[in-house]
Amino acid sequence: MDKKIKKKWVAALRSGKYRRGTGHLCAYDKTSKKNKYCCLGVLCDIHAKATGNEFVKDSSRIREYLDESAFLPLEVQEWANLKDNNGGSLKKKVKGHTNLVSLNDSGEASFKEIADAIEKHL
């Protein structure tokens, strides 16, 4: 993974700026009236800020990024130098999970713990 992008991603996950969500890169939460992001959605948001792209609202509460709603778009994957669209395989299991999608969507890890996993195992 690109080291500069990794550093920005980890910092963003630890920043407290993003509400954690599951199942989608980004989804609007009607209760809080704010967007919730999975860890990959946070990376997409960093990419959006770097490139001028935007999340697009579909017909429901889901926000798509470069025509994707659940996995990394190829453009983001290549930009971050990741090997696959699920955020890459972790070098070591974290809470029983081998990739970031399952770690995020299991609900077993906070963004801080996911940031730690990215730093140490990606």
N, C-alpha and C. Protein backbone atom coordinates (compact mmCIF):
# COMPACT_ATOMS: atom_id res chain seq x y z
N MET A 1 0.83 -1.18 0.00
CA MET A 1 0.00 0.00 0.00
C MET A 1 0.87 1.24 0.00
N ASP A 2 0.41 2.28 -0.68
CA ASP A 2 1.12 3.55 -0.72
C ASP A 2 1.23 4.11 0.71
N LYS A 3 2.43 4.41 1.14
CA LYS A 3 2.67 4.82 2.52
C LYS A 3 2.02 6.16 2.88
N LYS A 4 2.02 7.12 1.97
CA LYS A 4 1.42 8.43 2.25
C LYS A 4 -0.10 8.31 2.39
N ILE A 5 -0.70 7.52 1.52
CA ILE A 5 -2.14 7.33 1.58
C ILE A 5 -2.51 6.55 2.84
N LYS A 6 -1.72 5.56 3.17
CA LYS A 6 -1.95 4.77 4.38
C LYS A 6 -1.96 5.68 5.61
N LYS A 7 -1.00 6.59 5.68
CA LYS A 7 -0.90 7.51 6.81
C LYS A 7 -2.14 8.41 6.90
N LYS A 8 -2.61 8.92 5.75
CA LYS A 8 -3.82 9.75 5.73
C LYS A 8 -5.05 8.95 6.15
N TRP A 9 -5.14 7.71 5.68
CA TRP A 9 -6.28 6.85 5.98
C TRP A 9 -6.35 6.56 7.47
N VAL A 10 -5.22 6.17 8.05
CA VAL A 10 -5.16 5.86 9.48
C VAL A 10 -5.53 7.10 10.30
N ALA A 11 -5.00 8.25 9.91
CA ALA A 11 -5.31 9.49 10.62
C ALA A 11 -6.81 9.82 10.52
N ALA A 12 -7.39 9.62 9.36
CA ALA A 12 -8.82 9.90 9.17
C ALA A 12 -9.67 8.97 10.03
N LEU A 13 -9.30 7.70 10.09
CA LEU A 13 -10.06 6.74 10.92
C LEU A 13 -9.98 7.10 12.40
N ARG A 14 -8.88 7.66 12.82
CA ARG A 14 -8.70 8.03 14.23
C ARG A 14 -9.24 9.42 14.56
N SER A 15 -9.58 10.19 13.55
CA SER A 15 -9.93 11.60 13.73
C SER A 15 -11.24 11.85 14.48
N GLY A 16 -12.13 10.88 14.47
CA GLY A 16 -13.44 11.09 15.07
C GLY A 16 -14.41 11.81 14.14
N LYS A 17 -13.96 12.16 12.95
CA LYS A 17 -14.79 12.89 11.98
C LYS A 17 -15.83 11.98 11.34
N TYR A 18 -15.53 10.70 11.22
CA TYR A 18 -16.40 9.78 10.50
C TYR A 18 -17.21 8.91 11.45
N ARG A 19 -18.51 8.77 11.16
CA ARG A 19 -19.37 7.83 11.89
C ARG A 19 -19.23 6.49 11.21
N ARG A 20 -19.11 5.44 12.00
CA ARG A 20 -18.87 4.10 11.47
C ARG A 20 -20.17 3.44 11.05
N GLY A 21 -20.13 2.86 9.87
CA GLY A 21 -21.26 2.12 9.34
C GLY A 21 -20.80 0.78 8.81
N THR A 22 -21.74 -0.04 8.38
CA THR A 22 -21.42 -1.36 7.84
C THR A 22 -22.20 -1.62 6.57
N GLY A 23 -21.69 -2.51 5.75
CA GLY A 23 -22.41 -2.98 4.58
C GLY A 23 -22.28 -2.13 3.33
N HIS A 24 -21.89 -0.88 3.47
CA HIS A 24 -21.78 0.03 2.33
C HIS A 24 -20.61 0.98 2.55
N LEU A 25 -20.08 1.49 1.46
CA LEU A 25 -19.01 2.48 1.59
C LEU A 25 -19.51 3.68 2.39
N CYS A 26 -20.73 4.10 2.08
CA CYS A 26 -21.32 5.25 2.76
C CYS A 26 -22.83 5.14 2.67
N ALA A 27 -23.50 5.42 3.77
CA ALA A 27 -24.97 5.40 3.78
C ALA A 27 -25.46 6.50 4.70
N TYR A 28 -26.54 7.12 4.30
CA TYR A 28 -27.16 8.18 5.09
C TYR A 28 -27.99 7.55 6.20
N ASP A 29 -27.74 8.00 7.42
CA ASP A 29 -28.48 7.50 8.57
C ASP A 29 -29.60 8.49 8.90
N LYS A 30 -30.83 8.04 8.75
CA LYS A 30 -31.98 8.92 8.96
C LYS A 30 -32.10 9.40 10.41
N THR A 31 -31.68 8.59 11.35
CA THR A 31 -31.79 8.94 12.76
C THR A 31 -30.85 10.10 13.12
N SER A 32 -29.57 9.95 12.76
CA SER A 32 -28.60 11.00 13.10
C SER A 32 -28.54 12.09 12.04
N LYS A 33 -29.13 11.83 10.87
CA LYS A 33 -29.10 12.75 9.75
C LYS A 33 -27.67 13.03 9.29
N LYS A 34 -26.82 12.00 9.38
CA LYS A 34 -25.44 12.10 8.96
C LYS A 34 -25.06 10.84 8.18
N ASN A 35 -24.01 10.95 7.40
CA ASN A 35 -23.51 9.79 6.68
C ASN A 35 -22.71 8.89 7.61
N LYS A 36 -22.82 7.60 7.38
CA LYS A 36 -21.99 6.61 8.07
C LYS A 36 -21.12 5.93 7.03
N TYR A 37 -19.87 5.70 7.38
CA TYR A 37 -18.90 5.15 6.46
C TYR A 37 -18.34 3.83 6.98
N CYS A 38 -18.04 2.92 6.07
CA CYS A 38 -17.21 1.78 6.46
C CYS A 38 -15.77 2.26 6.30
N CYS A 39 -14.82 1.48 6.75
CA CYS A 39 -13.42 1.91 6.66
C CYS A 39 -13.00 2.16 5.21
N LEU A 40 -13.55 1.38 4.27
CA LEU A 40 -13.23 1.59 2.85
C LEU A 40 -13.86 2.88 2.34
N GLY A 41 -15.02 3.22 2.86
CA GLY A 41 -15.67 4.48 2.50
C GLY A 41 -14.85 5.68 2.94
N VAL A 42 -14.18 5.56 4.07
CA VAL A 42 -13.29 6.63 4.53
C VAL A 42 -12.15 6.81 3.52
N LEU A 43 -11.59 5.71 3.04
CA LEU A 43 -10.54 5.79 2.02
C LEU A 43 -11.09 6.44 0.75
N CYS A 44 -12.31 6.09 0.37
CA CYS A 44 -12.93 6.71 -0.81
C CYS A 44 -13.11 8.21 -0.60
N ASP A 45 -13.47 8.62 0.60
CA ASP A 45 -13.64 10.04 0.89
C ASP A 45 -12.31 10.78 0.77
N ILE A 46 -11.24 10.16 1.21
CA ILE A 46 -9.90 10.75 1.05
C ILE A 46 -9.58 10.89 -0.44
N HIS A 47 -9.90 9.85 -1.21
CA HIS A 47 -9.68 9.89 -2.66
C HIS A 47 -10.52 11.01 -3.28
N ALA A 48 -11.77 11.13 -2.85
CA ALA A 48 -12.65 12.16 -3.39
C ALA A 48 -12.07 13.55 -3.16
N LYS A 49 -11.56 13.78 -1.98
CA LYS A 49 -10.97 15.08 -1.67
C LYS A 49 -9.72 15.34 -2.49
N ALA A 50 -8.97 14.29 -2.81
CA ALA A 50 -7.74 14.43 -3.60
C ALA A 50 -8.03 14.63 -5.08
N THR A 51 -9.15 14.12 -5.56
CA THR A 51 -9.42 14.12 -7.00
C THR A 51 -10.57 15.01 -7.43
N GLY A 52 -11.39 15.44 -6.49
CA GLY A 52 -12.56 16.25 -6.84
C GLY A 52 -13.79 15.41 -7.17
N ASN A 53 -13.69 14.09 -7.05
CA ASN A 53 -14.85 13.22 -7.25
C ASN A 53 -15.78 13.36 -6.05
N GLU A 54 -17.00 12.84 -6.18
CA GLU A 54 -17.97 12.93 -5.09
C GLU A 54 -18.76 11.64 -4.94
N PHE A 55 -19.24 11.40 -3.74
CA PHE A 55 -20.21 10.33 -3.52
C PHE A 55 -21.51 10.78 -4.18
N VAL A 56 -22.22 9.82 -4.74
CA VAL A 56 -23.49 10.11 -5.40
C VAL A 56 -24.59 9.36 -4.68
N LYS A 57 -25.66 10.06 -4.38
CA LYS A 57 -26.80 9.46 -3.71
C LYS A 57 -27.59 8.64 -4.73
N ASP A 58 -27.87 7.40 -4.39
CA ASP A 58 -28.75 6.61 -5.27
C ASP A 58 -30.19 6.80 -4.80
N SER A 59 -31.08 5.97 -5.23
CA SER A 59 -32.50 6.16 -4.92
C SER A 59 -32.86 5.88 -3.47
N SER A 60 -31.96 5.28 -2.72
CA SER A 60 -32.23 5.01 -1.30
C SER A 60 -31.28 5.83 -0.45
N ARG A 61 -30.87 5.28 0.66
CA ARG A 61 -29.97 6.00 1.56
C ARG A 61 -28.50 5.73 1.24
N ILE A 62 -28.24 4.87 0.28
CA ILE A 62 -26.87 4.47 -0.06
C ILE A 62 -26.19 5.54 -0.90
N ARG A 63 -24.92 5.78 -0.61
CA ARG A 63 -24.11 6.70 -1.39
C ARG A 63 -23.11 5.85 -2.19
N GLU A 64 -23.06 6.06 -3.48
CA GLU A 64 -22.12 5.33 -4.33
C GLU A 64 -20.91 6.20 -4.59
N TYR A 65 -19.78 5.53 -4.78
CA TYR A 65 -18.57 6.24 -5.15
C TYR A 65 -17.98 5.56 -6.38
N LEU A 66 -17.88 6.29 -7.45
CA LEU A 66 -17.40 5.77 -8.73
C LEU A 66 -18.13 4.47 -9.10
N ASP A 67 -19.45 4.51 -8.96
CA ASP A 67 -20.37 3.42 -9.32
C ASP A 67 -20.26 2.19 -8.42
N GLU A 68 -19.65 2.33 -7.27
CA GLU A 68 -19.56 1.21 -6.31
C GLU A 68 -20.24 1.62 -5.02
N SER A 69 -20.87 0.65 -4.36
CA SER A 69 -21.51 0.97 -3.09
C SER A 69 -20.99 0.14 -1.93
N ALA A 70 -20.29 -0.98 -2.22
CA ALA A 70 -19.85 -1.86 -1.13
C ALA A 70 -18.35 -2.13 -1.12
N PHE A 71 -17.72 -2.11 -2.27
CA PHE A 71 -16.29 -2.41 -2.35
C PHE A 71 -15.55 -1.25 -2.99
N LEU A 72 -14.23 -1.26 -2.85
CA LEU A 72 -13.42 -0.19 -3.42
C LEU A 72 -13.53 -0.15 -4.93
N PRO A 73 -13.77 1.01 -5.50
CA PRO A 73 -13.70 1.13 -6.95
C PRO A 73 -12.25 0.87 -7.40
N LEU A 74 -12.10 0.35 -8.60
CA LEU A 74 -10.77 0.02 -9.12
C LEU A 74 -9.85 1.25 -9.09
N GLU A 75 -10.37 2.41 -9.40
CA GLU A 75 -9.57 3.63 -9.41
C GLU A 75 -8.96 3.91 -8.02
N VAL A 76 -9.74 3.71 -6.97
CA VAL A 76 -9.25 3.93 -5.61
C VAL A 76 -8.25 2.84 -5.23
N GLN A 77 -8.56 1.62 -5.59
CA GLN A 77 -7.67 0.49 -5.31
C GLN A 77 -6.29 0.73 -5.93
N GLU A 78 -6.27 1.16 -7.18
CA GLU A 78 -5.00 1.42 -7.86
C GLU A 78 -4.29 2.64 -7.28
N TRP A 79 -5.05 3.68 -6.96
CA TRP A 79 -4.49 4.91 -6.39
C TRP A 79 -3.79 4.63 -5.06
N ALA A 80 -4.41 3.78 -4.24
CA ALA A 80 -3.84 3.45 -2.92
C ALA A 80 -2.85 2.30 -2.99
N ASN A 81 -2.72 1.69 -4.17
CA ASN A 81 -1.85 0.54 -4.38
C ASN A 81 -2.23 -0.63 -3.47
N LEU A 82 -3.54 -0.95 -3.50
CA LEU A 82 -4.05 -2.10 -2.76
C LEU A 82 -4.27 -3.26 -3.73
N LYS A 83 -4.12 -4.47 -3.24
CA LYS A 83 -4.17 -5.64 -4.11
C LYS A 83 -5.57 -6.10 -4.48
N ASP A 84 -6.58 -5.68 -3.71
CA ASP A 84 -7.93 -6.12 -4.03
C ASP A 84 -8.95 -5.08 -3.59
N ASN A 85 -10.21 -5.34 -3.92
CA ASN A 85 -11.25 -4.35 -3.66
C ASN A 85 -11.88 -4.45 -2.27
N ASN A 86 -11.34 -5.32 -1.41
CA ASN A 86 -11.85 -5.40 -0.03
C ASN A 86 -10.87 -4.79 0.97
N GLY A 87 -9.95 -4.01 0.47
CA GLY A 87 -9.01 -3.31 1.34
C GLY A 87 -7.71 -4.06 1.56
N GLY A 88 -7.59 -5.22 1.00
CA GLY A 88 -6.36 -5.99 1.14
C GLY A 88 -6.42 -6.99 2.26
N SER A 89 -5.69 -8.05 2.07
CA SER A 89 -5.61 -9.08 3.10
C SER A 89 -4.67 -8.63 4.21
N LEU A 90 -5.10 -8.86 5.43
CA LEU A 90 -4.27 -8.53 6.58
C LEU A 90 -3.20 -9.60 6.75
N LYS A 91 -2.00 -9.19 7.12
CA LYS A 91 -0.89 -10.13 7.30
C LYS A 91 -1.13 -11.07 8.47
N LYS A 92 -1.95 -10.62 9.41
CA LYS A 92 -2.29 -11.41 10.59
C LYS A 92 -3.77 -11.21 10.88
N LYS A 93 -4.43 -12.27 11.33
CA LYS A 93 -5.85 -12.14 11.67
C LYS A 93 -6.03 -11.14 12.80
N VAL A 94 -7.07 -10.33 12.67
CA VAL A 94 -7.43 -9.37 13.71
C VAL A 94 -8.86 -9.70 14.12
N LYS A 95 -9.01 -10.08 15.39
CA LYS A 95 -10.33 -10.49 15.91
C LYS A 95 -10.95 -11.58 15.04
N GLY A 96 -10.09 -12.44 14.49
CA GLY A 96 -10.55 -13.56 13.68
C GLY A 96 -10.79 -13.23 12.21
N HIS A 97 -10.50 -12.01 11.78
CA HIS A 97 -10.77 -11.58 10.41
C HIS A 97 -9.48 -11.40 9.62
N THR A 98 -9.56 -11.73 8.33
CA THR A 98 -8.38 -11.66 7.47
C THR A 98 -8.40 -10.49 6.50
N ASN A 99 -9.51 -9.74 6.44
CA ASN A 99 -9.54 -8.56 5.58
C ASN A 99 -10.36 -7.45 6.25
N LEU A 100 -10.19 -6.26 5.73
CA LEU A 100 -10.81 -5.09 6.36
C LEU A 100 -12.33 -5.07 6.24
N VAL A 101 -12.88 -5.58 5.14
CA VAL A 101 -14.34 -5.59 4.98
C VAL A 101 -14.98 -6.41 6.09
N SER A 102 -14.48 -7.62 6.29
CA SER A 102 -15.10 -8.46 7.32
C SER A 102 -14.85 -7.91 8.72
N LEU A 103 -13.68 -7.33 8.96
CA LEU A 103 -13.39 -6.72 10.26
C LEU A 103 -14.34 -5.55 10.52
N ASN A 104 -14.53 -4.70 9.53
CA ASN A 104 -15.44 -3.56 9.68
C ASN A 104 -16.88 -4.01 9.86
N ASP A 105 -17.34 -4.89 8.96
CA ASP A 105 -18.76 -5.24 8.94
C ASP A 105 -19.17 -6.18 10.07
N SER A 106 -18.21 -6.80 10.72
CA SER A 106 -18.54 -7.67 11.85
C SER A 106 -19.04 -6.85 13.04
N GLY A 107 -18.65 -5.58 13.08
CA GLY A 107 -19.02 -4.73 14.21
C GLY A 107 -18.15 -4.97 15.43
N GLU A 108 -17.14 -5.81 15.29
CA GLU A 108 -16.28 -6.16 16.43
C GLU A 108 -15.13 -5.19 16.65
N ALA A 109 -14.91 -4.28 15.69
CA ALA A 109 -13.75 -3.38 15.80
C ALA A 109 -14.18 -1.94 15.58
N SER A 110 -13.63 -1.06 16.38
CA SER A 110 -13.86 0.38 16.21
C SER A 110 -12.95 0.88 15.08
N PHE A 111 -13.18 2.11 14.65
CA PHE A 111 -12.29 2.69 13.65
C PHE A 111 -10.86 2.78 14.17
N LYS A 112 -10.69 3.03 15.46
CA LYS A 112 -9.34 3.07 16.03
C LYS A 112 -8.67 1.71 15.90
N GLU A 113 -9.40 0.65 16.20
CA GLU A 113 -8.84 -0.70 16.07
C GLU A 113 -8.57 -1.06 14.61
N ILE A 114 -9.43 -0.61 13.72
CA ILE A 114 -9.20 -0.85 12.29
C ILE A 114 -7.96 -0.08 11.84
N ALA A 115 -7.79 1.15 12.32
CA ALA A 115 -6.59 1.94 12.00
C ALA A 115 -5.34 1.21 12.49
N ASP A 116 -5.40 0.65 13.68
CA ASP A 116 -4.26 -0.11 14.21
C ASP A 116 -3.96 -1.31 13.32
N ALA A 117 -5.01 -2.00 12.85
CA ALA A 117 -4.82 -3.16 11.98
C ALA A 117 -4.20 -2.75 10.65
N ILE A 118 -4.62 -1.62 10.11
CA ILE A 118 -4.04 -1.14 8.85
C ILE A 118 -2.57 -0.83 9.06
N GLU A 119 -2.24 -0.13 10.14
CA GLU A 119 -0.84 0.22 10.43
C GLU A 119 0.04 -1.01 10.56
N LYS A 120 -0.44 -1.99 11.32
CA LYS A 120 0.40 -3.14 11.66
C LYS A 120 0.37 -4.28 10.65
N HIS A 121 -0.78 -4.47 9.98
CA HIS A 121 -0.95 -5.69 9.21
C HIS A 121 -1.29 -5.51 7.73
N LEU A 122 -1.23 -4.29 7.23
CA LEU A 122 -1.55 -4.09 5.82
C LEU A 122 -0.34 -3.55 5.09
